[in-house]
C-alpha atoms as a PDB file:
ATOM      1  CA  MET A   1     100.316 203.053 121.563  1.00  0.00           C
ATOM      2  CA  SER A   2     100.897 204.180 125.137  1.00  0.00           C
ATOM      3  CA  THR A   3     104.507 205.372 125.185  1.00  0.00           C
ATOM      4  CA  HIS A   4     106.418 208.422 124.061  1.00  0.00           C
ATOM      5  CA  ALA A   5     108.533 208.031 120.929  1.00  0.00           C
ATOM      6  CA  ILE A   6     110.576 209.772 118.252  1.00  0.00           C
ATOM      7  CA  TYR A   7     109.557 209.828 114.604  1.00  0.00           C
ATOM      8  CA  ARG A   8     112.319 210.621 112.158  1.00  0.00           C
ATOM      9  CA  GLY A   9     112.541 210.518 108.378  1.00  0.00           C
ATOM     10  CA  GLN A  10     111.893 212.972 105.583  1.00  0.00           C
ATOM     11  CA  VAL A  11     109.502 215.756 104.690  1.00  0.00           C
ATOM     12  CA  GLY A  12     109.065 216.761 101.066  1.00  0.00           C
ATOM     13  CA  HIS A  13     107.226 219.253  98.872  1.00  0.00           C
ATOM     14  CA  GLN A  14     106.431 218.946  95.179  1.00  0.00           C
ATOM     15  CA  ARG A  15     104.944 221.843  93.224  1.00  0.00           C
ATOM     16  CA  LEU A  16     103.321 220.883  89.921  1.00  0.00           C
ATOM     17  CA  GLN A  17     101.851 224.197  88.730  1.00  0.00           C
ATOM     18  CA  PRO A  18     102.407 226.788  87.394  1.00  0.00           C
ATOM     19  CA  LYS A  19     106.062 225.702  87.368  1.00  0.00           C
ATOM     20  CA  PRO A  20     107.532 222.478  88.778  1.00  0.00           C
ATOM     21  CA  HIS A  21     109.657 222.690  91.907  1.00  0.00           C
ATOM     22  CA  GLY A  22     110.470 220.128  94.602  1.00  0.00           C
ATOM     23  CA  LEU A  23     112.519 219.595  97.739  1.00  0.00           C
ATOM     24  CA  HIS A  24     112.979 217.143 100.592  1.00  0.00           C
ATOM     25  CA  TYR A  25     115.017 217.095 103.770  1.00  0.00           C
ATOM     26  CA  ASP A  26     115.465 215.117 106.989  1.00  0.00           C
ATOM     27  CA  ILE A  27     113.131 215.823 109.883  1.00  0.00           C
ATOM     28  CA  GLN A  28     112.725 214.641 113.473  1.00  0.00           C
ATOM     29  CA  TYR A  29     109.584 214.841 115.604  1.00  0.00           C
ATOM     30  CA  PHE A  30     108.556 213.892 119.115  1.00  0.00           C
ATOM     31  CA  TRP A  31     105.489 211.712 119.683  1.00  0.00           C
ATOM     32  CA  LEU A  32     104.209 212.566 123.171  1.00  0.00           C
ATOM     33  CA  ASP A  33     101.417 211.059 125.218  1.00  0.00           C
ATOM     34  CA  LEU A  34      99.911 214.235 126.638  1.00  0.00           C
ATOM     35  CA  ARG A  35      98.475 212.430 129.649  1.00  0.00           C
ATOM     36  CA  ALA A  36     101.831 210.909 130.602  1.00  0.00           C
ATOM     37  CA  LEU A  37     104.144 213.910 130.502  1.00  0.00           C
ATOM     38  CA  ALA A  38     105.536 213.069 133.933  1.00  0.00           C
ATOM     39  CA  GLU A  39     107.252 210.095 132.275  1.00  0.00           C
ATOM     40  CA  LEU A  40     109.301 212.186 129.836  1.00  0.00           C
ATOM     41  CA  PRO A  41     113.094 211.723 129.945  1.00  0.00           C
ATOM     42  CA  LEU A  42     115.016 214.291 131.954  1.00  0.00           C
ATOM     43  CA  GLN A  43     116.743 215.475 128.747  1.00  0.00           C
ATOM     44  CA  ILE A  44     113.464 217.161 127.764  1.00  0.00           C
ATOM     45  CA  ARG A  45     113.148 220.323 129.818  1.00  0.00           C
ATOM     46  CA  ARG A  46     109.784 221.644 130.947  1.00  0.00           C
ATOM     47  CA  GLU A  47     109.242 225.389 130.579  1.00  0.00           C
ATOM     48  CA  SER A  48     112.970 226.123 130.576  1.00  0.00           C
ATOM     49  CA  PHE A  49     115.857 226.576 128.161  1.00  0.00           C
ATOM     50  CA  GLY A  50     117.581 223.500 126.815  1.00  0.00           C
ATOM     51  CA  ALA A  51     118.441 221.387 123.793  1.00  0.00           C
ATOM     52  CA  PHE A  52     114.782 220.290 123.758  1.00  0.00           C
ATOM     53  CA  SER A  53     112.092 222.053 125.768  1.00  0.00           C
ATOM     54  CA  LEU A  54     108.364 221.426 126.117  1.00  0.00           C
ATOM     55  CA  ARG A  55     106.796 224.854 126.695  1.00  0.00           C
ATOM     56  CA  ARG A  56     103.172 225.851 127.134  1.00  0.00           C
ATOM     57  CA  ARG A  57     103.549 229.022 125.059  1.00  0.00           C
ATOM     58  CA  ASP A  58     104.400 227.026 121.910  1.00  0.00           C
ATOM     59  CA  TYR A  59     100.974 225.329 121.733  1.00  0.00           C
ATOM     60  CA  PHE A  60      97.466 226.728 121.333  1.00  0.00           C
ATOM     61  CA  LYS A  61      98.944 230.191 121.368  1.00  0.00           C
ATOM     62  CA  GLY A  62      96.541 232.686 122.866  1.00  0.00           C
ATOM     63  CA  CYS A  63      94.298 230.018 124.384  1.00  0.00           C
ATOM     64  CA  ALA A  64      93.693 231.083 127.983  1.00  0.00           C
ATOM     65  CA  ALA A  65      92.314 227.632 128.831  1.00  0.00           C
ATOM     66  CA  VAL A  66      95.805 226.165 128.703  1.00  0.00           C
ATOM     67  CA  ALA A  67      97.282 227.206 132.039  1.00  0.00           C
ATOM     68  CA  SER A  68     100.231 224.804 131.880  1.00  0.00           C
ATOM     69  CA  ILE A  69     101.753 222.188 129.614  1.00  0.00           C
ATOM     70  CA  ASP A  70      99.797 219.533 131.544  1.00  0.00           C
ATOM     71  CA  ASP A  71      96.526 220.980 130.183  1.00  0.00           C
ATOM     72  CA  LEU A  72      97.401 220.403 126.516  1.00  0.00           C
ATOM     73  CA  ALA A  73      95.321 217.241 126.182  1.00  0.00           C
ATOM     74  CA  GLU A  74      92.212 219.028 127.447  1.00  0.00           C
ATOM     75  CA  ALA A  75      92.891 222.015 125.156  1.00  0.00           C
ATOM     76  CA  ALA A  76      93.191 219.706 122.137  1.00  0.00           C
ATOM     77  CA  LEU A  77      89.943 217.950 123.056  1.00  0.00           C
ATOM     78  CA  ALA A  78      88.123 221.243 123.545  1.00  0.00           C
ATOM     79  CA  ARG A  79      89.253 222.552 120.142  1.00  0.00           C
ATOM     80  CA  ALA A  80      88.365 219.283 118.427  1.00  0.00           C
ATOM     81  CA  ALA A  81      84.898 219.406 119.991  1.00  0.00           C
ATOM     82  CA  GLN A  82      84.425 222.970 118.699  1.00  0.00           C
ATOM     83  CA  LEU A  83      85.132 221.633 115.208  1.00  0.00           C
ATOM     84  CA  GLY A  84      82.577 218.833 115.515  1.00  0.00           C
ATOM     85  CA  ALA A  85      84.448 215.891 117.045  1.00  0.00           C
ATOM     86  CA  ASP A  86      82.670 213.513 119.411  1.00  0.00           C
ATOM     87  CA  ILE A  87      85.189 213.436 122.258  1.00  0.00           C
ATOM     88  CA  SER A  88      83.028 211.561 124.782  1.00  0.00           C
ATOM     89  CA  LEU A  89      85.023 208.322 124.480  1.00  0.00           C
ATOM     90  CA  ILE A  90      88.474 209.718 123.640  1.00  0.00           C
ATOM     91  CA  ASP A  91      90.919 208.316 126.198  1.00  0.00           C
ATOM     92  CA  GLN A  92      94.351 209.230 124.760  1.00  0.00           C
ATOM     93  CA  VAL A  93      95.761 212.344 123.110  1.00  0.00           C
ATOM     94  CA  PHE A  94      99.130 212.238 121.347  1.00  0.00           C
ATOM     95  CA  LEU A  95     101.129 215.177 120.042  1.00  0.00           C
ATOM     96  CA  LEU A  96     103.453 214.921 117.019  1.00  0.00           C
ATOM     97  CA  THR A  97     105.700 217.978 117.089  1.00  0.00           C
ATOM     98  CA  PRO A  98     109.195 219.368 117.151  1.00  0.00           C
ATOM     99  CA  LEU A  99     110.093 220.820 120.534  1.00  0.00           C
ATOM    100  CA  ALA A 100     111.679 224.160 121.257  1.00  0.00           C
ATOM    101  CA  ASN A 101     115.321 223.601 120.308  1.00  0.00           C
ATOM    102  CA  TRP A 102     117.867 225.825 122.083  1.00  0.00           C
ATOM    103  CA  GLY A 103     115.074 228.320 122.725  1.00  0.00           C
ATOM    104  CA  VAL A 104     113.576 228.381 119.200  1.00  0.00           C
ATOM    105  CA  TYR A 105     110.219 226.814 118.322  1.00  0.00           C
ATOM    106  CA  PHE A 106     108.792 226.556 114.813  1.00  0.00           C
ATOM    107  CA  SER A 107     106.314 224.049 113.383  1.00  0.00           C
ATOM    108  CA  PRO A 108     104.481 224.469 110.053  1.00  0.00           C
ATOM    109  CA  LEU A 109     102.208 221.519 110.947  1.00  0.00           C
ATOM    110  CA  THR A 110     101.551 220.396 114.525  1.00  0.00           C
ATOM    111  CA  GLN A 111      99.468 217.244 114.838  1.00  0.00           C
ATOM    112  CA  TYR A 112      97.246 216.066 117.689  1.00  0.00           C
ATOM    113  CA  TYR A 113      95.993 212.484 117.412  1.00  0.00           C
ATOM    114  CA  LEU A 114      92.900 211.600 119.425  1.00  0.00           C
ATOM    115  CA  TYR A 115      92.582 207.897 120.283  1.00  0.00           C
ATOM    116  CA  GLN A 116      89.719 205.756 121.533  1.00  0.00           C
ATOM    117  CA  GLN A 117      90.533 202.333 123.007  1.00  0.00           C
ATOM    118  CA  GLY A 118      93.842 202.147 121.164  1.00  0.00           C
ATOM    119  CA  GLN A 119      92.465 203.266 117.798  1.00  0.00           C
ATOM    120  CA  PRO A 120      92.934 206.709 116.179  1.00  0.00           C
ATOM    121  CA  ARG A 121      89.665 208.612 115.782  1.00  0.00           C
ATOM    122  CA  TYR A 122      90.661 212.171 114.816  1.00  0.00           C
ATOM    123  CA  LEU A 123      93.587 214.274 113.715  1.00  0.00           C
ATOM    124  CA  LEU A 124      93.515 217.864 114.922  1.00  0.00           C
ATOM    125  CA  ALA A 125      95.966 219.584 112.571  1.00  0.00           C
ATOM    126  CA  GLU A 126      97.354 222.973 113.576  1.00  0.00           C
ATOM    127  CA  VAL A 127      98.721 224.794 110.530  1.00  0.00           C
ATOM    128  CA  SER A 128     101.056 227.790 110.846  1.00  0.00           C
ATOM    129  CA  ASN A 129     101.768 230.326 108.119  1.00  0.00           C
ATOM    130  CA  THR A 130     104.924 232.246 107.292  1.00  0.00           C
ATOM    131  CA  PRO A 131     105.745 235.095 107.696  1.00  0.00           C
ATOM    132  CA  TRP A 132     102.465 236.054 109.405  1.00  0.00           C
ATOM    133  CA  ASN A 133     102.926 233.581 112.298  1.00  0.00           C
ATOM    134  CA  GLN A 134      99.217 232.777 112.530  1.00  0.00           C
ATOM    135  CA  ARG A 135      97.666 229.411 113.395  1.00  0.00           C
ATOM    136  CA  HIS A 136      94.595 227.587 112.233  1.00  0.00           C
ATOM    137  CA  HIS A 137      93.014 224.188 112.976  1.00  0.00           C
ATOM    138  CA  TYR A 138      91.490 221.510 110.771  1.00  0.00           C
ATOM    139  CA  LEU A 139      89.734 218.385 112.057  1.00  0.00           C
ATOM    140  CA  VAL A 140      90.293 215.185 110.069  1.00  0.00           C
ATOM    141  CA  PRO A 141      88.232 212.084 110.996  1.00  0.00           C
ATOM    142  CA  LEU A 142      90.469 209.025 110.867  1.00  0.00           C
ATOM    143  CA  SER A 143      89.605 205.630 109.427  1.00  0.00           C
ATOM    144  CA  GLN A 144      89.326 202.691 111.807  1.00  0.00           C
ATOM    145  CA  THR A 145      90.525 200.264 109.124  1.00  0.00           C
ATOM    146  CA  GLY A 146      93.890 201.694 108.054  1.00  0.00           C
ATOM    147  CA  VAL A 147      94.520 204.476 105.561  1.00  0.00           C
ATOM    148  CA  THR A 148      92.452 207.664 105.857  1.00  0.00           C
ATOM    149  CA  GLU A 149      91.490 209.695 102.786  1.00  0.00           C
ATOM    150  CA  PHE A 150      89.696 212.973 103.453  1.00  0.00           C
ATOM    151  CA  SER A 151      89.085 216.152 101.447  1.00  0.00           C
ATOM    152  CA  HIS A 152      87.880 219.640 102.369  1.00  0.00           C
ATOM    153  CA  ALA A 153      88.165 223.244 101.271  1.00  0.00           C
ATOM    154  CA  LYS A 154      91.309 225.151 102.154  1.00  0.00           C
ATOM    155  CA  ASN A 155      90.382 227.831 104.661  1.00  0.00           C
ATOM    156  CA  PHE A 156      93.660 229.401 105.767  1.00  0.00           C
ATOM    157  CA  HIS A 157      96.301 231.316 103.834  1.00  0.00           C
ATOM    158  CA  VAL A 158      99.586 229.457 104.340  1.00  0.00           C
ATOM    159  CA  SER A 159     102.029 230.316 101.560  1.00  0.00           C
ATOM    160  CA  PRO A 160     102.123 233.514  99.468  1.00  0.00           C
ATOM    161  CA  PHE A 161     102.676 231.218  96.475  1.00  0.00           C
ATOM    162  CA  ASN A 162      99.372 229.352  96.874  1.00  0.00           C
ATOM    163  CA  PRO A 163      95.926 231.010  96.684  1.00  0.00           C
ATOM    164  CA  LEU A 164      93.098 230.374  99.130  1.00  0.00           C
ATOM    165  CA  ASP A 165      90.619 228.916  96.610  1.00  0.00           C
ATOM    166  CA  MET A 166      91.974 225.379  96.778  1.00  0.00           C
ATOM    167  CA  GLN A 167      91.014 221.939  98.100  1.00  0.00           C
ATOM    168  CA  TYR A 168      93.022 219.869 100.572  1.00  0.00           C
ATOM    169  CA  HIS A 169      93.259 216.104 100.142  1.00  0.00           C
ATOM    170  CA  TRP A 170      94.684 214.146 103.092  1.00  0.00           C
ATOM    171  CA  ARG A 171      96.032 210.596 102.957  1.00  0.00           C
ATOM    172  CA  ILE A 172      97.138 209.380 106.378  1.00  0.00           C
ATOM    173  CA  ASP A 173      98.441 206.057 107.638  1.00  0.00           C
ATOM    174  CA  ALA A 174      97.806 205.256 111.276  1.00  0.00           C
ATOM    175  CA  PRO A 175     100.982 206.207 113.216  1.00  0.00           C
ATOM    176  CA  GLU A 176     102.671 202.874 113.876  1.00  0.00           C
ATOM    177  CA  ALA A 177     106.250 201.652 113.336  1.00  0.00           C
ATOM    178  CA  GLN A 178     106.127 203.596 110.075  1.00  0.00           C
ATOM    179  CA  PHE A 179     104.021 206.671 109.452  1.00  0.00           C
ATOM    180  CA  ASN A 180     103.206 208.288 106.126  1.00  0.00           C
ATOM    181  CA  LEU A 181     101.155 211.433 105.566  1.00  0.00           C
ATOM    182  CA  LEU A 182     100.368 213.038 102.207  1.00  0.00           C
ATOM    183  CA  LEU A 183      98.613 216.405 101.822  1.00  0.00           C
ATOM    184  CA  GLN A 184      97.743 217.450  98.273  1.00  0.00           C
ATOM    185  CA  ASN A 185      96.408 220.817  97.104  1.00  0.00           C
ATOM    186  CA  SER A 186      94.182 221.055  94.057  1.00  0.00           C
ATOM    187  CA  ARG A 187      92.589 223.963  92.247  1.00  0.00           C
ATOM    188  CA  GLN A 188      89.709 223.655  89.802  1.00  0.00           C
ATOM    189  CA  GLY A 189      90.248 219.915  89.733  1.00  0.00           C
ATOM    190  CA  ASN A 190      93.979 220.109  88.961  1.00  0.00           C
ATOM    191  CA  LYS A 191      96.716 219.031  91.371  1.00  0.00           C
ATOM    192  CA  VAL A 192      98.940 221.993  92.235  1.00  0.00           C
ATOM    193  CA  PHE A 193     101.070 221.067  95.226  1.00  0.00           C
ATOM    194  CA  SER A 194     101.881 218.083  97.483  1.00  0.00           C
ATOM    195  CA  ALA A 195     103.539 217.849 100.881  1.00  0.00           C
ATOM    196  CA  TRP A 196     104.449 214.580 102.572  1.00  0.00           C
ATOM    197  CA  PHE A 197     106.043 212.981 105.610  1.00  0.00           C
ATOM    198  CA  ARG A 198     107.701 209.555 105.631  1.00  0.00           C
ATOM    199  CA  LEU A 199     108.703 208.684 109.168  1.00  0.00           C
ATOM    200  CA  ILE A 200     110.005 205.761 111.207  1.00  0.00           C
ATOM    201  CA  ARG A 201     109.316 205.302 114.908  1.00  0.00           C
ATOM    202  CA  GLU A 202     112.142 205.012 117.446  1.00  0.00           C
ATOM    203  CA  PRO A 203     112.139 204.835 121.261  1.00  0.00           C
ATOM    204  CA  LEU A 204     112.330 208.126 123.120  1.00  0.00           C
ATOM    205  CA  ASP A 205     115.427 207.509 125.223  1.00  0.00           C
ATOM    206  CA  ALA A 206     118.696 209.242 126.069  1.00  0.00           C
ATOM    207  CA  ASP A 207     120.637 207.625 123.220  1.00  0.00           C
ATOM    208  CA  ASN A 208     118.152 208.641 120.540  1.00  0.00           C
ATOM    209  CA  ILE A 209     117.826 212.160 121.936  1.00  0.00           C
ATOM    210  CA  ARG A 210     121.614 212.509 121.742  1.00  0.00           C
ATOM    211  CA  ASN A 211     121.548 211.184 118.170  1.00  0.00           C
ATOM    212  CA  MET A 212     118.896 213.756 117.269  1.00  0.00           C
ATOM    213  CA  LEU A 213     121.226 216.533 118.376  1.00  0.00           C
ATOM    214  CA  ILE A 214     124.125 215.066 116.437  1.00  0.00           C
ATOM    215  CA  ARG A 215     122.079 214.761 113.242  1.00  0.00           C
ATOM    216  CA  GLN A 216     120.308 218.130 113.487  1.00  0.00           C
ATOM    217  CA  PRO A 217     121.574 220.293 116.360  1.00  0.00           C
ATOM    218  CA  TRP A 218     119.251 223.235 115.573  1.00  0.00           C
ATOM    219  CA  GLN A 219     116.437 221.801 113.474  1.00  0.00           C
ATOM    220  CA  ASN A 220     113.889 224.593 113.919  1.00  0.00           C
ATOM    221  CA  VAL A 221     116.290 227.259 112.693  1.00  0.00           C
ATOM    222  CA  GLN A 222     117.249 225.055 109.741  1.00  0.00           C
ATOM    223  CA  VAL A 223     113.572 224.671 108.780  1.00  0.00           C
ATOM    224  CA  VAL A 224     112.979 228.437 108.851  1.00  0.00           C
ATOM    225  CA  ILE A 225     116.077 229.086 106.719  1.00  0.00           C
ATOM    226  CA  ARG A 226     114.922 226.467 104.187  1.00  0.00           C
ATOM    227  CA  ILE A 227     111.461 228.045 103.934  1.00  0.00           C
ATOM    228  CA  TYR A 228     112.818 231.496 103.105  1.00  0.00           C
ATOM    229  CA  TRP A 229     115.480 230.116 100.784  1.00  0.00           C
ATOM    230  CA  GLN A 230     112.850 228.176  98.840  1.00  0.00           C
ATOM    231  CA  ALA A 231     110.644 231.286  98.730  1.00  0.00           C
ATOM    232  CA  LEU A 232     113.507 233.180  97.120  1.00  0.00           C
ATOM    233  CA  ILE A 233     113.887 230.428  94.527  1.00  0.00           C
ATOM    234  CA  LEU A 234     110.163 230.563  93.732  1.00  0.00           C
ATOM    235  CA  LEU A 235     110.343 234.339  93.336  1.00  0.00           C
ATOM    236  CA  CYS A 236     113.266 233.936  90.938  1.00  0.00           C
ATOM    237  CA  LYS A 237     111.234 231.403  88.960  1.00  0.00           C
ATOM    238  CA  GLY A 238     108.490 234.015  88.561  1.00  0.00           C
ATOM    239  CA  LEU A 239     105.664 232.252  90.423  1.00  0.00           C
ATOM    240  CA  PRO A 240     102.562 234.364  91.138  1.00  0.00           C
ATOM    241  CA  PHE A 241     102.505 236.016  94.559  1.00  0.00           C
ATOM    242  CA  TYR A 242      99.179 236.012  96.472  1.00  0.00           C
ATOM    243  CA  SER A 243      98.621 238.592  99.208  1.00  0.00           C
ATOM    244  CA  HIS A 244      97.476 237.478 102.640  1.00  0.00           C
ATOM    245  CA  GLN A 245      93.779 236.692 103.068  1.00  0.00           C
ATOM    246  CA  LYS A 246      91.742 236.122 106.200  1.00  0.00           C
ATOM    247  CA  PRO A 247      90.216 232.665 106.768  1.00  0.00           C
ATOM    248  CA  LYS A 248      86.938 232.168 104.936  1.00  0.00           C
ATOM    249  CA  ASP A 249      85.397 230.653 108.064  1.00  0.00           C
ATOM    250  CA  GLN A 250      86.819 231.935 111.348  1.00  0.00           C
ATOM    251  CA  SER A 251      85.311 229.010 113.284  1.00  0.00           C
ATOM    252  CA  VAL A 252      87.271 226.288 111.467  1.00  0.00           C
END
């Protein structure tokens, strides 16, 4: 996979405990080859205001090593190496993300896919929490034969309605014409919460960019509103509220 693309489809959440609650909505992401940013369509602005803007300050926030948007691939590789990845043979880095949309950027899960000779090797997942606006990275080794299944301890407080003492269970298809990702949370062996993406790949061209704006003219703002609206619903349902905790391991 050597070209930029759009992935669009649905994201959904399903809470199983202590009370059931679910939602799903349409979502649109950009799939960008970070070593071919010069080939982006002119409709995507670089470091300036627009309908869609690729800005350095939206990625690896606080990382001085990223001097410009063109350094994102190297920043992703450096962070993956810190977390234990063997990056010696990685030759492509792809970013799955929303872009700043009319000046607003928000992404609960930003995904960097590290490829070796056309095959995915690692996912570097950057998780953001709300309302604290912090970021944290997990490294997921990817299967060379299709679907990846990987589990690890949760290390970062994301939602005030989920505690920190949980396990994450990833199930990831290789990003192709269709792309599915499932992330389940369990506690003491019981499934508590699931989040998923079901996406279809489209060319990144002027027509599809225009269609993105027609379908969701201000997606990032819509996502933030949905998060707080759903939080209000969960409060009304009487779900336990967990105060913010620091990561258990600051290096992860």
